[in-house]
Protein backbone atom coordinates (compact mmCIF):
# COMPACT_ATOMS: atom_id res chain seq x y z
CA MET A 1 48.90 9.16 -67.65
CA ALA A 2 47.43 7.19 -64.93
CA GLU A 3 49.13 3.67 -63.80
CA TYR A 4 47.82 0.69 -65.73
CA ARG A 5 46.47 -2.27 -63.88
CA ARG A 6 46.00 -5.61 -65.40
CA GLY A 7 42.80 -6.10 -66.12
CA ASP A 8 41.75 -2.69 -67.18
CA GLY A 9 41.80 -3.14 -70.95
CA PRO A 10 44.10 -2.80 -73.31
CA HIS A 11 47.55 -1.34 -72.57
CA PRO A 12 47.55 2.63 -73.60
CA ARG A 13 51.30 2.45 -74.95
CA LYS A 14 50.17 -0.21 -77.00
CA ALA A 15 48.02 0.04 -79.87
CA PRO A 16 45.53 -2.68 -80.51
CA GLY A 17 45.29 -5.09 -83.13
CA LYS A 18 48.85 -2.96 -84.35
CA THR A 19 51.15 -5.91 -83.86
CA LYS A 20 51.03 -8.66 -86.80
CA VAL A 21 52.72 -11.18 -87.34
CA TYR A 22 54.57 -11.49 -91.17
CA ALA A 23 56.11 -14.32 -92.74
CA PRO A 24 57.71 -13.25 -96.37
CA PRO A 25 57.30 -16.30 -99.19
CA VAL A 26 60.48 -18.42 -98.92
CA PRO A 27 61.64 -19.16 -102.95
CA TRP A 28 62.30 -22.82 -101.85
CA ALA A 29 59.04 -23.54 -100.75
CA GLY A 30 57.35 -24.22 -104.21
CA SER A 31 59.90 -27.12 -104.37
CA VAL A 32 59.45 -28.34 -101.09
CA ALA A 33 55.87 -28.71 -101.14
CA VAL A 34 54.41 -32.53 -102.33
CA SER A 35 51.88 -34.18 -102.78
CA GLN A 36 49.71 -36.58 -101.11
CA GLU A 37 51.12 -39.37 -103.61
CA SER A 38 54.20 -38.84 -103.53
CA GLU A 39 54.35 -38.76 -99.75
CA HIS A 40 53.31 -42.00 -99.53
CA GLN A 41 55.67 -43.28 -101.88
CA LEU A 42 58.60 -42.03 -100.31
CA LEU A 43 57.00 -42.67 -97.07
CA LEU A 44 57.16 -46.34 -98.84
CA GLU A 45 60.24 -46.55 -100.40
CA LEU A 46 61.94 -45.66 -96.72
CA ALA A 47 59.76 -48.20 -94.94
CA LYS A 48 60.79 -50.84 -97.57
CA ASP A 49 64.79 -49.94 -97.55
CA ALA A 50 64.00 -49.86 -93.27
CA PHE A 51 62.64 -53.00 -93.81
CA ALA A 52 65.20 -55.07 -95.37
CA LYS A 53 67.71 -53.09 -92.96
CA GLN A 54 65.70 -54.57 -90.29
CA VAL A 55 65.99 -58.53 -91.08
CA ALA A 56 69.83 -57.98 -92.15
CA LYS A 57 70.18 -56.04 -88.32
CA ARG A 58 68.19 -59.86 -87.06
CA VAL A 59 69.56 -62.44 -89.08
CA ARG A 60 73.62 -60.85 -88.04
CA PRO A 61 73.75 -62.05 -84.74
CA LEU A 62 72.19 -65.40 -85.80
CA SER A 63 74.20 -68.71 -84.96
CA ARG A 64 74.07 -71.57 -87.19
CA GLY A 65 72.32 -73.77 -84.46
CA TYR A 66 69.87 -70.61 -83.36
CA VAL A 67 68.72 -70.39 -87.42
CA GLU A 68 67.84 -73.97 -87.67
CA ARG A 69 65.78 -73.64 -84.16
CA TRP A 70 63.97 -71.36 -86.15
CA MET A 71 63.81 -72.94 -89.79
CA LYS A 72 62.60 -76.59 -87.12
CA GLY A 73 59.91 -73.81 -86.01
CA GLU A 74 61.00 -74.07 -82.03
CA PHE A 75 60.26 -69.99 -81.86
CA TRP A 76 59.18 -67.18 -83.46
CA LEU A 77 60.78 -63.69 -84.41
CA TYR A 78 58.55 -61.75 -85.37
CA SER A 79 56.57 -61.72 -82.15
CA ASP A 80 59.74 -59.95 -80.66
CA VAL A 81 59.81 -57.15 -83.32
CA VAL A 82 56.29 -56.58 -82.75
CA ARG A 83 56.51 -56.32 -79.11
CA ARG A 84 59.58 -53.94 -79.53
CA HIS A 85 58.09 -51.80 -81.72
CA ALA A 86 54.78 -51.49 -80.93
CA THR A 87 54.18 -48.39 -81.39
CA GLU A 88 55.52 -47.07 -83.94
CA LEU A 89 53.77 -50.08 -86.21
CA ARG A 90 51.38 -48.95 -84.67
CA PHE A 91 51.80 -45.34 -86.28
CA TYR A 92 52.14 -46.76 -89.23
CA ARG A 93 50.29 -49.33 -89.42
CA PRO A 94 48.78 -49.01 -93.07
CA VAL A 95 52.45 -48.32 -94.27
CA VAL A 96 53.16 -50.89 -92.38
CA LEU A 97 50.64 -53.74 -93.62
CA GLU A 98 51.41 -52.53 -97.10
CA VAL A 99 55.70 -53.31 -96.88
CA LEU A 100 54.37 -56.73 -95.28
CA ARG A 101 52.25 -57.63 -98.14
CA ALA A 102 53.82 -56.74 -100.92
CA THR A 103 57.50 -58.80 -99.55
CA GLN A 104 58.91 -61.24 -101.30
CA VAL A 105 59.97 -64.34 -99.65
CA ASP A 106 63.51 -64.67 -102.33
CA GLU A 107 63.80 -60.77 -101.21
CA MET A 108 64.12 -61.88 -97.57
CA LEU A 109 66.49 -64.76 -98.86
CA ASP A 110 68.75 -62.97 -100.78
CA ILE A 111 69.41 -60.65 -97.76
CA CYS A 112 69.52 -63.12 -95.73
CA ARG A 113 72.60 -64.85 -98.27
CA ARG A 114 73.97 -61.61 -98.36
CA THR A 115 74.18 -61.37 -94.38
CA ARG A 116 75.62 -64.46 -93.72
CA PRO A 117 77.39 -66.31 -96.68
CA ASP A 118 78.24 -68.85 -94.43
CA LEU A 119 74.94 -69.95 -93.79
CA THR A 120 73.77 -70.06 -97.73
CA TYR A 121 73.03 -74.03 -97.36
CA LEU A 122 70.58 -73.12 -94.09
CA TRP A 123 68.94 -69.99 -96.84
CA HIS A 124 68.49 -72.28 -99.89
CA ASP A 125 66.45 -75.48 -97.66
CA PRO A 126 63.00 -75.25 -99.13
CA ALA A 127 62.35 -75.21 -94.68
CA ALA A 128 63.72 -71.56 -94.99
CA ARG A 129 61.50 -69.99 -97.20
CA SER A 130 58.45 -72.36 -95.47
CA LYS A 131 59.01 -70.73 -92.14
CA LEU A 132 59.95 -66.87 -93.61
CA THR A 133 55.87 -67.46 -95.56
CA ARG A 134 54.88 -67.82 -92.19
CA GLU A 135 56.79 -65.05 -90.00
CA ILE A 136 55.36 -62.93 -92.77
CA GLU A 137 52.27 -63.72 -92.62
CA GLU A 138 52.20 -63.79 -88.80
CA ALA A 139 53.47 -60.58 -88.74
CA THR A 140 50.81 -59.13 -90.72
CA LYS A 141 48.68 -60.28 -88.54
CA ALA A 142 49.96 -59.26 -85.34
CA VAL A 143 50.35 -55.95 -87.04
CA GLU A 144 46.15 -55.60 -87.61
CA SER A 145 45.36 -56.43 -84.50
CA LEU A 146 47.25 -53.52 -83.20
C-alpha cells in the first residue's frame, strides 16, 4: 500500500461516510422538555426570589443613620446595584423589568421589616414608602436605558 499523505483524499483505512454519531434517546428527556411559557414563569419566579433576597442583602448591613439619610433623599440605592450588575441586567432585561413593574412597595417594606426589625419604626414612616416608590421608578428607568 502506498504511503498516505494528507490532502490525497480520504484515508484508505477509513471508509468515507461510515462514521456516525448516535445518541440514543433518554427516557427522562420528555419530562425535561419545558414549554417556553412555563420556562418564562420559572425564570420570573426565580427573578422575584432573587430580587427579594437582594433587597434583604442590601438592607441587612445598613445603619440607622444611613437609612435615615436615605429616606431624606441624600442618595439612591438603585444606582449602585445597576452599575454593579449591568451585564446581568442587560441579559435578563425583559424579566427584570417585569419584576420591577410588578413589585409592590408593601412587599419591599415587609422584607425590610423582617430583615431589620430594629428599624421597624423607620419602615412604617411614610417617607420610606415614598422613597421606595421613587427607587423602583428610577431603577425601572435605568434598566430600560441599558
